[in-house]
Amino acid sequence: MCSAVVGRRLAATAQVVAPIVSTYWWGGEVQRADEWLLLMKTTMERFEDLAAYVQELHSYEVPEIVAVPLVAGTADYLEWIRRETSPESGV
């Protein structure tokens, strides 16, 4: 999934944090599962496309897809994210 979203320029970078253990309600009962947390850096303009593509690829019926606001970052890093996720960068 990481290579797919970066390859389509929907995210400038994607990182896997694993394994993690998740506990959640599903199917009317508490579930516990080993999962992998994916962190993907993109822009607000590309979020909807990224979310739609992740839903397409993901095996879960309702994958966790959330946007966490980036309140600060170095100008060069933020520009890199913008540049690498720009549709004009090519696919």
PDB file of N, CA and C in Angstrom:
ATOM      1  N   MET A   1       0.824  -1.185   0.000  1.00  0.00           N
ATOM      2  CA  MET A   1       0.000   0.000   0.000  1.00  0.00           C
ATOM      3  C   MET A   1       0.874   1.257   0.000  1.00  0.00           C
ATOM      4  N   CYS A   2       1.957   1.245   0.770  1.00  0.00           N
ATOM      5  CA  CYS A   2       2.836   2.412   0.828  1.00  0.00           C
ATOM      6  C   CYS A   2       3.390   2.748  -0.558  1.00  0.00           C
ATOM      7  N   SER A   3       3.914   1.747  -1.241  1.00  0.00           N
ATOM      8  CA  SER A   3       4.459   1.983  -2.581  1.00  0.00           C
ATOM      9  C   SER A   3       3.378   2.464  -3.545  1.00  0.00           C
ATOM     10  N   ALA A   4       2.183   1.935  -3.404  1.00  0.00           N
ATOM     11  CA  ALA A   4       1.092   2.305  -4.303  1.00  0.00           C
ATOM     12  C   ALA A   4       0.699   3.770  -4.146  1.00  0.00           C
ATOM     13  N   VAL A   5       0.550   4.252  -2.914  1.00  0.00           N
ATOM     14  CA  VAL A   5       0.118   5.639  -2.725  1.00  0.00           C
ATOM     15  C   VAL A   5       1.223   6.626  -3.061  1.00  0.00           C
ATOM     16  N   VAL A   6       2.465   6.272  -2.753  1.00  0.00           N
ATOM     17  CA  VAL A   6       3.581   7.154  -3.112  1.00  0.00           C
ATOM     18  C   VAL A   6       3.771   7.139  -4.626  1.00  0.00           C
ATOM     19  N   GLY A   7       3.657   5.975  -5.237  1.00  0.00           N
ATOM     20  CA  GLY A   7       3.793   5.870  -6.684  1.00  0.00           C
ATOM     21  C   GLY A   7       2.771   6.698  -7.443  1.00  0.00           C
ATOM     22  N   ARG A   8       1.574   6.829  -6.893  1.00  0.00           N
ATOM     23  CA  ARG A   8       0.527   7.642  -7.515  1.00  0.00           C
ATOM     24  C   ARG A   8       0.596   9.106  -7.086  1.00  0.00           C
ATOM     25  N   ARG A   9       1.587   9.435  -6.293  1.00  0.00           N
ATOM     26  CA  ARG A   9       1.789  10.796  -5.769  1.00  0.00           C
ATOM     27  C   ARG A   9       0.609  11.282  -4.920  1.00  0.00           C
ATOM     28  N   LEU A  10      -0.057  10.349  -4.272  1.00  0.00           N
ATOM     29  CA  LEU A  10      -1.114  10.706  -3.333  1.00  0.00           C
ATOM     30  C   LEU A  10      -0.532  11.017  -1.959  1.00  0.00           C
ATOM     31  N   ALA A  11       0.669  10.517  -1.703  1.00  0.00           N
ATOM     32  CA  ALA A  11       1.417  10.814  -0.481  1.00  0.00           C
ATOM     33  C   ALA A  11       2.874  11.015  -0.879  1.00  0.00           C
ATOM     34  N   ALA A  12       3.533  11.937  -0.198  1.00  0.00           N
ATOM     35  CA  ALA A  12       4.954  12.170  -0.466  1.00  0.00           C
ATOM     36  C   ALA A  12       5.801  11.085   0.178  1.00  0.00           C
ATOM     37  N   THR A  13       5.330  10.552   1.285  1.00  0.00           N
ATOM     38  CA  THR A  13       6.027   9.497   2.011  1.00  0.00           C
ATOM     39  C   THR A  13       5.005   8.679   2.777  1.00  0.00           C
ATOM     40  N   ALA A  14       5.338   7.433   3.033  1.00  0.00           N
ATOM     41  CA  ALA A  14       4.468   6.552   3.817  1.00  0.00           C
ATOM     42  C   ALA A  14       5.360   5.677   4.683  1.00  0.00           C
ATOM     43  N   GLN A  15       4.999   5.559   5.943  1.00  0.00           N
ATOM     44  CA  GLN A  15       5.798   4.790   6.890  1.00  0.00           C
ATOM     45  C   GLN A  15       4.930   3.757   7.589  1.00  0.00           C
ATOM     46  N   VAL A  16       5.510   2.607   7.845  1.00  0.00           N
ATOM     47  CA  VAL A  16       4.823   1.529   8.544  1.00  0.00           C
ATOM     48  C   VAL A  16       5.352   1.455   9.968  1.00  0.00           C
ATOM     49  N   VAL A  17       4.456   1.481  10.923  1.00  0.00           N
ATOM     50  CA  VAL A  17       4.789   1.290  12.334  1.00  0.00           C
ATOM     51  C   VAL A  17       4.118  -0.019  12.735  1.00  0.00           C
ATOM     52  N   ALA A  18       4.915  -1.015  13.089  1.00  0.00           N
ATOM     53  CA  ALA A  18       4.298  -2.309  13.337  1.00  0.00           C
ATOM     54  C   ALA A  18       5.145  -3.148  14.262  1.00  0.00           C
ATOM     55  N   PRO A  19       4.592  -4.160  14.843  1.00  0.00           N
ATOM     56  CA  PRO A  19       3.149  -4.365  14.931  1.00  0.00           C
ATOM     57  C   PRO A  19       2.571  -3.556  16.083  1.00  0.00           C
ATOM     58  N   ILE A  20       1.302  -3.275  15.981  1.00  0.00           N
ATOM     59  CA  ILE A  20       0.570  -2.643  17.076  1.00  0.00           C
ATOM     60  C   ILE A  20      -0.604  -3.551  17.420  1.00  0.00           C
ATOM     61  N   VAL A  21      -1.121  -3.439  18.605  1.00  0.00           N
ATOM     62  CA  VAL A  21      -2.294  -4.216  19.002  1.00  0.00           C
ATOM     63  C   VAL A  21      -3.447  -3.245  19.168  1.00  0.00           C
ATOM     64  N   SER A  22      -4.529  -3.482  18.443  1.00  0.00           N
ATOM     65  CA  SER A  22      -5.708  -2.631  18.505  1.00  0.00           C
ATOM     66  C   SER A  22      -6.840  -3.357  19.218  1.00  0.00           C
ATOM     67  N   THR A  23      -7.576  -2.610  20.021  1.00  0.00           N
ATOM     68  CA  THR A  23      -8.771  -3.114  20.684  1.00  0.00           C
ATOM     69  C   THR A  23      -9.911  -2.189  20.294  1.00  0.00           C
ATOM     70  N   TYR A  24     -11.008  -2.758  19.807  1.00  0.00           N
ATOM     71  CA  TYR A  24     -12.090  -1.947  19.245  1.00  0.00           C
ATOM     72  C   TYR A  24     -13.396  -2.737  19.228  1.00  0.00           C
ATOM     73  N   TRP A  25     -14.503  -1.999  19.093  1.00  0.00           N
ATOM     74  CA  TRP A  25     -15.805  -2.623  18.920  1.00  0.00           C
ATOM     75  C   TRP A  25     -16.011  -2.946  17.455  1.00  0.00           C
ATOM     76  N   TRP A  26     -16.449  -4.171  17.153  1.00  0.00           N
ATOM     77  CA  TRP A  26     -16.827  -4.546  15.784  1.00  0.00           C
ATOM     78  C   TRP A  26     -17.753  -5.756  15.872  1.00  0.00           C
ATOM     79  N   GLY A  27     -18.820  -5.724  15.118  1.00  0.00           N
ATOM     80  CA  GLY A  27     -19.762  -6.846  15.120  1.00  0.00           C
ATOM     81  C   GLY A  27     -20.433  -7.062  16.454  1.00  0.00           C
ATOM     82  N   GLY A  28     -20.608  -5.977  17.210  1.00  0.00           N
ATOM     83  CA  GLY A  28     -21.299  -6.071  18.487  1.00  0.00           C
ATOM     84  C   GLY A  28     -20.468  -6.593  19.642  1.00  0.00           C
ATOM     85  N   GLU A  29     -19.174  -6.752  19.426  1.00  0.00           N
ATOM     86  CA  GLU A  29     -18.325  -7.201  20.533  1.00  0.00           C
ATOM     87  C   GLU A  29     -16.938  -6.567  20.441  1.00  0.00           C
ATOM     88  N   VAL A  30     -16.235  -6.635  21.556  1.00  0.00           N
ATOM     89  CA  VAL A  30     -14.887  -6.082  21.617  1.00  0.00           C
ATOM     90  C   VAL A  30     -13.944  -7.039  20.897  1.00  0.00           C
ATOM     91  N   GLN A  31     -13.171  -6.487  19.977  1.00  0.00           N
ATOM     92  CA  GLN A  31     -12.204  -7.258  19.197  1.00  0.00           C
ATOM     93  C   GLN A  31     -10.790  -6.829  19.581  1.00  0.00           C
ATOM     94  N   ARG A  32      -9.843  -7.690  19.334  1.00  0.00           N
ATOM     95  CA  ARG A  32      -8.425  -7.369  19.546  1.00  0.00           C
ATOM     96  C   ARG A  32      -7.680  -7.943  18.350  1.00  0.00           C
ATOM     97  N   ALA A  33      -6.821  -7.124  17.727  1.00  0.00           N
ATOM     98  CA  ALA A  33      -6.119  -7.590  16.531  1.00  0.00           C
ATOM     99  C   ALA A  33      -4.731  -6.967  16.433  1.00  0.00           C
ATOM    100  N   ASP A  34      -3.808  -7.724  15.878  1.00  0.00           N
ATOM    101  CA  ASP A  34      -2.500  -7.183  15.515  1.00  0.00           C
ATOM    102  C   ASP A  34      -2.677  -6.428  14.209  1.00  0.00           C
ATOM    103  N   GLU A  35      -2.191  -5.214  14.159  1.00  0.00           N
ATOM    104  CA  GLU A  35      -2.342  -4.384  12.975  1.00  0.00           C
ATOM    105  C   GLU A  35      -1.041  -3.640  12.697  1.00  0.00           C
ATOM    106  N   TRP A  36      -1.005  -2.962  11.568  1.00  0.00           N
ATOM    107  CA  TRP A  36       0.124  -2.146  11.177  1.00  0.00           C
ATOM    108  C   TRP A  36      -0.387  -0.746  10.952  1.00  0.00           C
ATOM    109  N   LEU A  37       0.250   0.231  11.587  1.00  0.00           N
ATOM    110  CA  LEU A  37      -0.120   1.632  11.466  1.00  0.00           C
ATOM    111  C   LEU A  37       0.650   2.224  10.299  1.00  0.00           C
ATOM    112  N   LEU A  38      -0.071   2.817   9.349  1.00  0.00           N
ATOM    113  CA  LEU A  38       0.558   3.489   8.213  1.00  0.00           C
ATOM    114  C   LEU A  38       0.395   4.984   8.388  1.00  0.00           C
ATOM    115  N   LEU A  39       1.499   5.701   8.326  1.00  0.00           N
ATOM    116  CA  LEU A  39       1.487   7.156   8.376  1.00  0.00           C
ATOM    117  C   LEU A  39       1.820   7.654   6.977  1.00  0.00           C
ATOM    118  N   MET A  40       0.961   8.489   6.425  1.00  0.00           N
ATOM    119  CA  MET A  40       1.159   8.990   5.070  1.00  0.00           C
ATOM    120  C   MET A  40       1.084  10.506   5.093  1.00  0.00           C
ATOM    121  N   LYS A  41       2.084  11.158   4.495  1.00  0.00           N
ATOM    122  CA  LYS A  41       2.121  12.624   4.468  1.00  0.00           C
ATOM    123  C   LYS A  41       1.607  13.105   3.112  1.00  0.00           C
ATOM    124  N   THR A  42       0.565  13.933   3.165  1.00  0.00           N
ATOM    125  CA  THR A  42      -0.011  14.493   1.947  1.00  0.00           C
ATOM    126  C   THR A  42      -0.521  15.889   2.249  1.00  0.00           C
ATOM    127  N   THR A  43      -1.164  16.497   1.284  1.00  0.00           N
ATOM    128  CA  THR A  43      -1.750  17.825   1.464  1.00  0.00           C
ATOM    129  C   THR A  43      -3.266  17.695   1.623  1.00  0.00           C
ATOM    130  N   MET A  44      -3.898  18.744   2.109  1.00  0.00           N
ATOM    131  CA  MET A  44      -5.356  18.751   2.214  1.00  0.00           C
ATOM    132  C   MET A  44      -5.988  18.549   0.840  1.00  0.00           C
ATOM    133  N   GLU A  45      -5.365  19.104  -0.176  1.00  0.00           N
ATOM    134  CA  GLU A  45      -5.901  18.996  -1.532  1.00  0.00           C
ATOM    135  C   GLU A  45      -5.899  17.549  -2.044  1.00  0.00           C
ATOM    136  N   ARG A  46      -4.995  16.726  -1.562  1.00  0.00           N
ATOM    137  CA  ARG A  46      -4.884  15.339  -2.030  1.00  0.00           C
ATOM    138  C   ARG A  46      -5.520  14.322  -1.076  1.00  0.00           C
ATOM    139  N   PHE A  47      -6.003  14.806   0.093  1.00  0.00           N
ATOM    140  CA  PHE A  47      -6.518  13.880   1.104  1.00  0.00           C
ATOM    141  C   PHE A  47      -7.665  13.010   0.591  1.00  0.00           C
ATOM    142  N   GLU A  48      -8.656  13.595  -0.049  1.00  0.00           N
ATOM    143  CA  GLU A  48      -9.816  12.820  -0.500  1.00  0.00           C
ATOM    144  C   GLU A  48      -9.410  11.747  -1.498  1.00  0.00           C
ATOM    145  N   ASP A  49      -8.504  12.072  -2.422  1.00  0.00           N
ATOM    146  CA  ASP A  49      -8.024  11.076  -3.384  1.00  0.00           C
ATOM    147  C   ASP A  49      -7.253   9.974  -2.677  1.00  0.00           C
ATOM    148  N   LEU A  50      -6.417  10.352  -1.712  1.00  0.00           N
ATOM    149  CA  LEU A  50      -5.659   9.371  -0.942  1.00  0.00           C
ATOM    150  C   LEU A  50      -6.608   8.459  -0.174  1.00  0.00           C
ATOM    151  N   ALA A  51      -7.577   9.042   0.518  1.00  0.00           N
ATOM    152  CA  ALA A  51      -8.528   8.248   1.309  1.00  0.00           C
ATOM    153  C   ALA A  51      -9.304   7.275   0.422  1.00  0.00           C
ATOM    154  N   ALA A  52      -9.752   7.737  -0.736  1.00  0.00           N
ATOM    155  CA  ALA A  52     -10.510   6.863  -1.643  1.00  0.00           C
ATOM    156  C   ALA A  52      -9.652   5.700  -2.125  1.00  0.00           C
ATOM    157  N   TYR A  53      -8.403   5.964  -2.432  1.00  0.00           N
ATOM    158  CA  TYR A  53      -7.513   4.912  -2.929  1.00  0.00           C
ATOM    159  C   TYR A  53      -7.183   3.902  -1.827  1.00  0.00           C
ATOM    160  N   VAL A  54      -6.955   4.389  -0.618  1.00  0.00           N
ATOM    161  CA  VAL A  54      -6.684   3.491   0.509  1.00  0.00           C
ATOM    162  C   VAL A  54      -7.903   2.588   0.741  1.00  0.00           C
ATOM    163  N   GLN A  55      -9.102   3.145   0.688  1.00  0.00           N
ATOM    164  CA  GLN A  55     -10.306   2.330   0.864  1.00  0.00           C
ATOM    165  C   GLN A  55     -10.408   1.264  -0.223  1.00  0.00           C
ATOM    166  N   GLU A  56     -10.023   1.606  -1.411  1.00  0.00           N
ATOM    167  CA  GLU A  56     -10.043   0.671  -2.531  1.00  0.00           C
ATOM    168  C   GLU A  56      -9.083  -0.503  -2.287  1.00  0.00           C
ATOM    169  N   LEU A  57      -7.904  -0.206  -1.762  1.00  0.00           N
ATOM    170  CA  LEU A  57      -6.875  -1.221  -1.560  1.00  0.00           C
ATOM    171  C   LEU A  57      -7.036  -2.032  -0.275  1.00  0.00           C
ATOM    172  N   HIS A  58      -7.632  -1.433   0.739  1.00  0.00           N
ATOM    173  CA  HIS A  58      -7.639  -2.016   2.080  1.00  0.00           C
ATOM    174  C   HIS A  58      -8.584  -3.202   2.188  1.00  0.00           C
ATOM    175  N   SER A  59      -8.202  -4.181   2.989  1.00  0.00           N
ATOM    176  CA  SER A  59      -9.032  -5.371   3.182  1.00  0.00           C
ATOM    177  C   SER A  59     -10.158  -5.147   4.198  1.00  0.00           C
ATOM    178  N   TYR A  60     -10.053  -4.126   5.032  1.00  0.00           N
ATOM    179  CA  TYR A  60     -11.095  -3.877   6.038  1.00  0.00           C
ATOM    180  C   TYR A  60     -12.318  -3.240   5.396  1.00  0.00           C
ATOM    181  N   GLU A  61     -13.483  -3.559   5.945  1.00  0.00           N
ATOM    182  CA  GLU A  61     -14.727  -2.935   5.500  1.00  0.00           C
ATOM    183  C   GLU A  61     -14.719  -1.432   5.833  1.00  0.00           C
ATOM    184  N   VAL A  62     -14.190  -1.102   7.008  1.00  0.00           N
ATOM    185  CA  VAL A  62     -14.105   0.290   7.450  1.00  0.00           C
ATOM    186  C   VAL A  62     -12.687   0.544   7.966  1.00  0.00           C
ATOM    187  N   PRO A  63     -11.734   0.816   7.069  1.00  0.00           N
ATOM    188  CA  PRO A  63     -10.378   1.097   7.546  1.00  0.00           C
ATOM    189  C   PRO A  63     -10.321   2.449   8.263  1.00  0.00           C
ATOM    190  N   GLU A  64      -9.404   2.557   9.193  1.00  0.00           N
ATOM    191  CA  GLU A  64      -9.206   3.834   9.893  1.00  0.00           C
ATOM    192  C   GLU A  64      -8.417   4.760   8.973  1.00  0.00           C
ATOM    193  N   ILE A  65      -9.101   5.796   8.512  1.00  0.00           N
ATOM    194  CA  ILE A  65      -8.455   6.818   7.680  1.00  0.00           C
ATOM    195  C   ILE A  65      -8.807   8.154   8.311  1.00  0.00           C
ATOM    196  N   VAL A  66      -7.822   8.800   8.907  1.00  0.00           N
ATOM    197  CA  VAL A  66      -8.034  10.076   9.580  1.00  0.00           C
ATOM    198  C   VAL A  66      -6.944  11.056   9.161  1.00  0.00           C
ATOM    199  N   ALA A  67      -7.288  12.319   9.194  1.00  0.00           N
ATOM    200  CA  ALA A  67      -6.304  13.367   8.937  1.00  0.00           C
ATOM    201  C   ALA A  67      -5.947  14.014  10.267  1.00  0.00           C
ATOM    202  N   VAL A  68      -4.671  14.115  10.516  1.00  0.00           N
ATOM    203  CA  VAL A  68      -4.171  14.769  11.720  1.00  0.00           C
ATOM    204  C   VAL A  68      -3.522  16.073  11.266  1.00  0.00           C
ATOM    205  N   PRO A  69      -3.966  17.199  11.808  1.00  0.00           N
ATOM    206  CA  PRO A  69      -3.422  18.466  11.319  1.00  0.00           C
ATOM    207  C   PRO A  69      -1.935  18.626  11.611  1.00  0.00           C
ATOM    208  N   LEU A  70      -1.251  19.141  10.635  1.00  0.00           N
ATOM    209  CA  LEU A  70       0.153  19.485  10.779  1.00  0.00           C
ATOM    210  C   LEU A  70       0.193  20.965  11.119  1.00  0.00           C
ATOM    211  N   VAL A  71       0.562  21.294  12.338  1.00  0.00           N
ATOM    212  CA  VAL A  71       0.508  22.688  12.766  1.00  0.00           C
ATOM    213  C   VAL A  71       1.779  23.462  12.469  1.00  0.00           C
ATOM    214  N   ALA A  72       2.870  22.749  12.257  1.00  0.00           N
ATOM    215  CA  ALA A  72       4.118  23.433  11.939  1.00  0.00           C
ATOM    216  C   ALA A  72       5.076  22.443  11.294  1.00  0.00           C
ATOM    217  N   GLY A  73       6.007  22.977  10.539  1.00  0.00           N
ATOM    218  CA  GLY A  73       7.040  22.178   9.902  1.00  0.00           C
ATOM    219  C   GLY A  73       8.008  23.117   9.222  1.00  0.00           C
ATOM    220  N   THR A  74       9.169  22.624   8.888  1.00  0.00           N
ATOM    221  CA  THR A  74      10.117  23.491   8.196  1.00  0.00           C
ATOM    222  C   THR A  74       9.587  23.781   6.795  1.00  0.00           C
ATOM    223  N   ALA A  75       9.857  24.957   6.317  1.00  0.00           N
ATOM    224  CA  ALA A  75       9.336  25.379   5.016  1.00  0.00           C
ATOM    225  C   ALA A  75       9.784  24.441   3.904  1.00  0.00           C
ATOM    226  N   ASP A  76      11.037  24.009   3.939  1.00  0.00           N
ATOM    227  CA  ASP A  76      11.518  23.133   2.870  1.00  0.00           C
ATOM    228  C   ASP A  76      10.849  21.770   2.895  1.00  0.00           C
ATOM    229  N   TYR A  77      10.565  21.223   4.081  1.00  0.00           N
ATOM    230  CA  TYR A  77       9.895  19.928   4.167  1.00  0.00           C
ATOM    231  C   TYR A  77       8.446  20.034   3.687  1.00  0.00           C
ATOM    232  N   LEU A  78       7.754  21.067   4.127  1.00  0.00           N
ATOM    233  CA  LEU A  78       6.363  21.252   3.708  1.00  0.00           C
ATOM    234  C   LEU A  78       6.268  21.486   2.205  1.00  0.00           C
ATOM    235  N   GLU A  79       7.219  22.203   1.646  1.00  0.00           N
ATOM    236  CA  GLU A  79       7.264  22.413   0.198  1.00  0.00           C
ATOM    237  C   GLU A  79       7.527  21.097  -0.519  1.00  0.00           C
ATOM    238  N   TRP A  80       8.387  20.268   0.034  1.00  0.00           N
ATOM    239  CA  TRP A  80       8.661  18.959  -0.552  1.00  0.00           C
ATOM    240  C   TRP A  80       7.387  18.114  -0.612  1.00  0.00           C
ATOM    241  N   ILE A  81       6.618  18.095   0.470  1.00  0.00           N
ATOM    242  CA  ILE A  81       5.347  17.351   0.472  1.00  0.00           C
ATOM    243  C   ILE A  81       4.428  17.892  -0.610  1.00  0.00           C
ATOM    244  N   ARG A  82       4.294  19.201  -0.693  1.00  0.00           N
ATOM    245  CA  ARG A  82       3.428  19.813  -1.698  1.00  0.00           C
ATOM    246  C   ARG A  82       3.885  19.452  -3.101  1.00  0.00           C
ATOM    247  N   ARG A  83       5.182  19.572  -3.339  1.00  0.00           N
ATOM    248  CA  ARG A  83       5.737  19.309  -4.673  1.00  0.00           C
ATOM    249  C   ARG A  83       5.553  17.837  -5.079  1.00  0.00           C
ATOM    250  N   GLU A  84       5.826  16.927  -4.143  1.00  0.00           N
ATOM    251  CA  GLU A  84       5.778  15.502  -4.466  1.00  0.00           C
ATOM    252  C   GLU A  84       4.356  14.951  -4.588  1.00  0.00           C
ATOM    253  N   THR A  85       3.385  15.671  -4.082  1.00  0.00           N
ATOM    254  CA  THR A  85       1.990  15.209  -4.205  1.00  0.00           C
ATOM    255  C   THR A  85       1.225  16.006  -5.248  1.00  0.00           C
ATOM    256  N   SER A  86       1.891  16.884  -5.923  1.00  0.00           N
ATOM    257  CA  SER A  86       1.236  17.687  -6.955  1.00  0.00           C
ATOM    258  C   SER A  86       0.894  16.798  -8.158  1.00  0.00           C
ATOM    259  N   PRO A  87      -0.341  16.881  -8.645  1.00  0.00           N
ATOM    260  CA  PRO A  87      -0.704  16.093  -9.835  1.00  0.00           C
ATOM    261  C   PRO A  87       0.199  16.422 -11.030  1.00  0.00           C
ATOM    262  N   GLU A  88       0.750  17.617 -11.078  1.00  0.00           N
ATOM    263  CA  GLU A  88       1.631  18.004 -12.169  1.00  0.00           C
ATOM    264  C   GLU A  88       2.990  17.307 -12.103  1.00  0.00           C
ATOM    265  N   SER A  89       3.292  16.666 -10.977  1.00  0.00           N
ATOM    266  CA  SER A  89       4.564  15.958 -10.844  1.00  0.00           C
ATOM    267  C   SER A  89       4.616  14.722 -11.726  1.00  0.00           C
ATOM    268  N   GLY A  90       3.467  14.326 -12.205  1.00  0.00           N
ATOM    269  CA  GLY A  90       3.396  13.130 -13.054  1.00  0.00           C
ATOM    270  C   GLY A  90       3.112  11.884 -12.245  1.00  0.00           C
ATOM    271  N   VAL A  91       2.563  10.901 -12.909  1.00  0.00           N
ATOM    272  CA  VAL A  91       2.249   9.636 -12.246  1.00  0.00           C
ATOM    273  C   VAL A  91       2.952   8.524 -12.964  1.00  0.00           C
TER     274      VAL A  91
END
